[in-house]
Each structure stands twice: as C-alpha cells, then as structure tokens.
Amino acid sequence: MNHTRHTDPQQTLTAFGLRSVLHGQRVLLIGGDPRPGQQRAIASELKLTHFRWMETRRTTSINRLRKIVASEQFDVVIVALRWARYSFSELSHMCRQHGIAFVRLPGGMNPGQIAFQANEQIGRQLVPA
C-alpha cells in the first residue's frame, strides 16, 4: 500500500493565500535535481515568463553561475540550500549589484513552498505582474 501524500501545488498556493510575487517573472532555480514534470509544474503554477532549473555538482564553478545569471537577464535567482554544494554569498551579492532578486530556498521544491519563500524574502522588492 502506498502512503505517499500527493498535494496539488495550486491548492498549496491557495492554502497559503498567495498570489506569488514570481508571477510573470524570469526565474533561475539553482540546485536540486531538475525533473521535466516538476519543472513544468513550477513554471505553470507560478505563471513564470521564463524558468530555468540548473543542477549543481561539485564541479560547478561560481564563475559559470555568474555568467548564466548575467547573460540570461533573470528577475529572480533562487538557490535550493539543501542541494547547494557551496556558499552562494558571492552570487547573492552579484544579484544585488544587477538588481536581481535573490531567494534562499531552505527546503521543498514544490510551487507552494517556492512561492511562500519568495513572498517572505522578496515580496516587498517585486511587484506581481
């Protein structure tokens, strides 16, 4: 018998009473294991204009991340702390310099958790589209 609970991401957003500040934004998620189904769900449920999910490995350099952040014109960079291989304080500083919102995601890769953390951390910084 399977006891796994499946939560509808939209119900999670509704339960939090959120209209995510990420709506209409261009978002880079760093860390974790990108899965196409979950990637589509995040982009769709949060109504993102553009979404890129970048896996990090021990060999991923901060220079590579800097180039990606600078070249693709993201509005928001989210770092999944649970899977981060190193400190991203330098990346956070770079985001501030370029006017890119920076979110630390302590756990949970579902749209509701991402929306909740974004609203808590950068809700005043971004105006929903």
C-alpha atoms as a PDB file:
ATOM      1  CA  MET A   1       0.000   0.000   0.000  1.00  0.00           C
ATOM      2  CA  ASN A   2       1.364   3.425  -0.985  1.00  0.00           C
ATOM      3  CA  HIS A   3       1.065   6.001   1.799  1.00  0.00           C
ATOM      4  CA  THR A   4       2.674   8.837  -0.165  1.00  0.00           C
ATOM      5  CA  ARG A   5       0.649  12.026   0.035  1.00  0.00           C
ATOM      6  CA  HIS A   6       0.284  13.996  -3.164  1.00  0.00           C
ATOM      7  CA  THR A   7      -0.503  17.670  -2.796  1.00  0.00           C
ATOM      8  CA  ASP A   8      -1.868  19.719  -5.650  1.00  0.00           C
ATOM      9  CA  PRO A   9       0.550  22.679  -5.959  1.00  0.00           C
ATOM     10  CA  GLN A  10      -2.290  25.091  -6.740  1.00  0.00           C
ATOM     11  CA  GLN A  11      -4.085  24.010  -3.563  1.00  0.00           C
ATOM     12  CA  THR A  12      -0.857  24.705  -1.697  1.00  0.00           C
ATOM     13  CA  LEU A  13      -0.719  28.228  -3.106  1.00  0.00           C
ATOM     14  CA  THR A  14      -4.363  28.735  -2.224  1.00  0.00           C
ATOM     15  CA  ALA A  15      -3.821  27.338   1.268  1.00  0.00           C
ATOM     16  CA  PHE A  16      -1.078  29.898   1.835  1.00  0.00           C
ATOM     17  CA  GLY A  17      -3.412  32.576   0.434  1.00  0.00           C
ATOM     18  CA  LEU A  18      -0.749  33.578  -2.044  1.00  0.00           C
ATOM     19  CA  ARG A  19      -0.581  35.172  -5.394  1.00  0.00           C
ATOM     20  CA  SER A  20       3.093  34.679  -5.872  1.00  0.00           C
ATOM     21  CA  VAL A  21       5.356  37.660  -6.432  1.00  0.00           C
ATOM     22  CA  LEU A  22       7.010  35.392  -9.012  1.00  0.00           C
ATOM     23  CA  HIS A  23       4.026  35.688 -11.379  1.00  0.00           C
ATOM     24  CA  GLY A  24       5.334  36.909 -14.764  1.00  0.00           C
ATOM     25  CA  GLN A  25       8.984  36.816 -13.687  1.00  0.00           C
ATOM     26  CA  ARG A  26      12.073  35.239 -15.279  1.00  0.00           C
ATOM     27  CA  VAL A  27      13.434  32.795 -12.711  1.00  0.00           C
ATOM     28  CA  LEU A  28      16.616  30.745 -12.323  1.00  0.00           C
ATOM     29  CA  LEU A  29      16.471  27.928  -9.763  1.00  0.00           C
ATOM     30  CA  ILE A  30      19.887  26.608  -8.732  1.00  0.00           C
ATOM     31  CA  GLY A  31      20.266  23.215  -7.068  1.00  0.00           C
ATOM     32  CA  GLY A  32      18.351  20.005  -6.763  1.00  0.00           C
ATOM     33  CA  ASP A  33      17.631  17.506  -9.481  1.00  0.00           C
ATOM     34  CA  PRO A  34      15.744  19.064 -12.405  1.00  0.00           C
ATOM     35  CA  ARG A  35      12.884  16.804 -13.453  1.00  0.00           C
ATOM     36  CA  PRO A  36      10.830  17.794 -16.508  1.00  0.00           C
ATOM     37  CA  GLY A  37       7.436  17.170 -14.867  1.00  0.00           C
ATOM     38  CA  GLN A  38       8.280  19.134 -11.764  1.00  0.00           C
ATOM     39  CA  GLN A  39       9.909  21.871 -13.840  1.00  0.00           C
ATOM     40  CA  ARG A  40       6.725  22.280 -15.910  1.00  0.00           C
ATOM     41  CA  ALA A  41       4.582  22.307 -12.751  1.00  0.00           C
ATOM     42  CA  ILE A  42       6.679  25.042 -11.132  1.00  0.00           C
ATOM     43  CA  ALA A  43       6.679  27.218 -14.252  1.00  0.00           C
ATOM     44  CA  SER A  44       2.967  26.702 -14.851  1.00  0.00           C
ATOM     45  CA  GLU A  45       1.654  27.036 -11.296  1.00  0.00           C
ATOM     46  CA  LEU A  46       3.742  30.115 -10.562  1.00  0.00           C
ATOM     47  CA  LYS A  47       2.952  31.568 -14.000  1.00  0.00           C
ATOM     48  CA  LEU A  48       6.585  32.320 -14.793  1.00  0.00           C
ATOM     49  CA  THR A  49       7.560  34.045 -18.030  1.00  0.00           C
ATOM     50  CA  HIS A  50      10.814  32.083 -18.227  1.00  0.00           C
ATOM     51  CA  PHE A  51      12.126  29.307 -15.967  1.00  0.00           C
ATOM     52  CA  ARG A  52      15.490  27.607 -15.945  1.00  0.00           C
ATOM     53  CA  TRP A  53      16.422  24.963 -13.393  1.00  0.00           C
ATOM     54  CA  MET A  54      20.150  24.411 -13.117  1.00  0.00           C
ATOM     55  CA  GLU A  55      21.555  21.370 -11.376  1.00  0.00           C
ATOM     56  CA  THR A  56      24.761  21.970  -9.454  1.00  0.00           C
ATOM     57  CA  ARG A  57      27.527  19.458  -8.956  1.00  0.00           C
ATOM     58  CA  ARG A  58      30.770  19.540  -7.051  1.00  0.00           C
ATOM     59  CA  THR A  59      32.448  20.679 -10.255  1.00  0.00           C
ATOM     60  CA  THR A  60      30.039  23.567 -10.938  1.00  0.00           C
ATOM     61  CA  SER A  61      32.043  26.765 -10.685  1.00  0.00           C
ATOM     62  CA  ILE A  62      30.730  30.021  -9.276  1.00  0.00           C
ATOM     63  CA  ASN A  63      32.109  31.676 -12.438  1.00  0.00           C
ATOM     64  CA  ARG A  64      29.775  29.575 -14.591  1.00  0.00           C
ATOM     65  CA  LEU A  65      26.817  30.570 -12.418  1.00  0.00           C
ATOM     66  CA  ARG A  66      27.825  34.239 -12.621  1.00  0.00           C
ATOM     67  CA  LYS A  67      27.903  34.077 -16.426  1.00  0.00           C
ATOM     68  CA  ILE A  68      24.475  32.448 -16.590  1.00  0.00           C
ATOM     69  CA  VAL A  69      22.926  34.944 -14.187  1.00  0.00           C
ATOM     70  CA  ALA A  70      24.421  37.910 -16.055  1.00  0.00           C
ATOM     71  CA  SER A  71      23.708  36.679 -19.583  1.00  0.00           C
ATOM     72  CA  GLU A  72      20.100  35.493 -19.366  1.00  0.00           C
ATOM     73  CA  GLN A  73      18.555  38.541 -17.685  1.00  0.00           C
ATOM     74  CA  PHE A  74      16.736  36.869 -14.821  1.00  0.00           C
ATOM     75  CA  ASP A  75      14.458  38.787 -12.466  1.00  0.00           C
ATOM     76  CA  VAL A  76      14.902  36.285  -9.631  1.00  0.00           C
ATOM     77  CA  VAL A  77      17.563  33.742  -8.667  1.00  0.00           C
ATOM     78  CA  ILE A  78      16.506  31.024  -6.215  1.00  0.00           C
ATOM     79  CA  VAL A  79      19.067  28.795  -4.529  1.00  0.00           C
ATOM     80  CA  ALA A  80      17.911  25.474  -3.101  1.00  0.00           C
ATOM     81  CA  LEU A  81      20.083  25.389   0.015  1.00  0.00           C
ATOM     82  CA  ARG A  82      19.591  21.709   0.699  1.00  0.00           C
ATOM     83  CA  TRP A  83      21.370  20.795  -2.522  1.00  0.00           C
ATOM     84  CA  ALA A  84      23.811  23.687  -2.756  1.00  0.00           C
ATOM     85  CA  ARG A  85      27.390  22.476  -2.855  1.00  0.00           C
ATOM     86  CA  TYR A  86      28.951  25.700  -1.574  1.00  0.00           C
ATOM     87  CA  SER A  87      28.174  29.150  -0.268  1.00  0.00           C
ATOM     88  CA  PHE A  88      26.334  31.411  -2.644  1.00  0.00           C
ATOM     89  CA  SER A  89      27.002  34.663  -0.790  1.00  0.00           C
ATOM     90  CA  GLU A  90      29.080  35.925  -3.718  1.00  0.00           C
ATOM     91  CA  LEU A  91      26.208  35.133  -6.094  1.00  0.00           C
ATOM     92  CA  SER A  92      23.770  36.909  -3.764  1.00  0.00           C
ATOM     93  CA  HIS A  93      25.997  39.989  -3.822  1.00  0.00           C
ATOM     94  CA  MET A  94      26.211  39.893  -7.617  1.00  0.00           C
ATOM     95  CA  CYS A  95      22.420  39.638  -7.885  1.00  0.00           C
ATOM     96  CA  ARG A  96      22.026  42.737  -5.697  1.00  0.00           C
ATOM     97  CA  GLN A  97      24.518  44.624  -7.881  1.00  0.00           C
ATOM     98  CA  HIS A  98      22.492  43.777 -11.001  1.00  0.00           C
ATOM     99  CA  GLY A  99      19.074  44.410  -9.456  1.00  0.00           C
ATOM    100  CA  ILE A 100      18.149  40.709  -9.463  1.00  0.00           C
ATOM    101  CA  ALA A 101      16.102  39.439  -6.528  1.00  0.00           C
ATOM    102  CA  PHE A 102      17.737  36.579  -4.594  1.00  0.00           C
ATOM    103  CA  VAL A 103      15.845  33.886  -2.664  1.00  0.00           C
ATOM    104  CA  ARG A 104      17.240  31.194  -0.397  1.00  0.00           C
ATOM    105  CA  LEU A 105      15.044  28.093  -0.533  1.00  0.00           C
ATOM    106  CA  PRO A 106      15.638  26.119   2.684  1.00  0.00           C
ATOM    107  CA  GLY A 107      13.556  23.089   1.668  1.00  0.00           C
ATOM    108  CA  GLY A 108      10.727  21.901  -0.510  1.00  0.00           C
ATOM    109  CA  MET A 109      10.762  22.139  -4.270  1.00  0.00           C
ATOM    110  CA  ASN A 110       7.015  22.417  -4.795  1.00  0.00           C
ATOM    111  CA  PRO A 111       5.451  25.591  -6.223  1.00  0.00           C
ATOM    112  CA  GLY A 112       3.737  26.438  -2.929  1.00  0.00           C
ATOM    113  CA  GLN A 113       6.982  26.385  -0.941  1.00  0.00           C
ATOM    114  CA  ILE A 114       8.834  28.345  -3.615  1.00  0.00           C
ATOM    115  CA  ALA A 115       6.052  30.959  -3.699  1.00  0.00           C
ATOM    116  CA  PHE A 116       5.945  31.174   0.089  1.00  0.00           C
ATOM    117  CA  GLN A 117       9.703  31.728   0.407  1.00  0.00           C
ATOM    118  CA  ALA A 118       9.738  34.262  -2.440  1.00  0.00           C
ATOM    119  CA  ASN A 119       6.868  36.214  -0.912  1.00  0.00           C
ATOM    120  CA  GLU A 120       8.536  36.160   2.516  1.00  0.00           C
ATOM    121  CA  GLN A 121      12.011  37.137   1.304  1.00  0.00           C
ATOM    122  CA  ILE A 122      11.420  39.464  -1.650  1.00  0.00           C
ATOM    123  CA  GLY A 123       7.711  40.294  -1.507  1.00  0.00           C
ATOM    124  CA  ARG A 124       8.423  43.992  -0.990  1.00  0.00           C
ATOM    125  CA  GLN A 125      11.123  44.010  -3.639  1.00  0.00           C
ATOM    126  CA  LEU A 126       8.974  42.685  -6.511  1.00  0.00           C
ATOM    127  CA  VAL A 127       5.591  43.826  -7.631  1.00  0.00           C
ATOM    128  CA  PRO A 128       3.453  40.961  -9.069  1.00  0.00           C
ATOM    129  CA  ALA A 129       2.807  41.198 -12.812  1.00  0.00           C
END
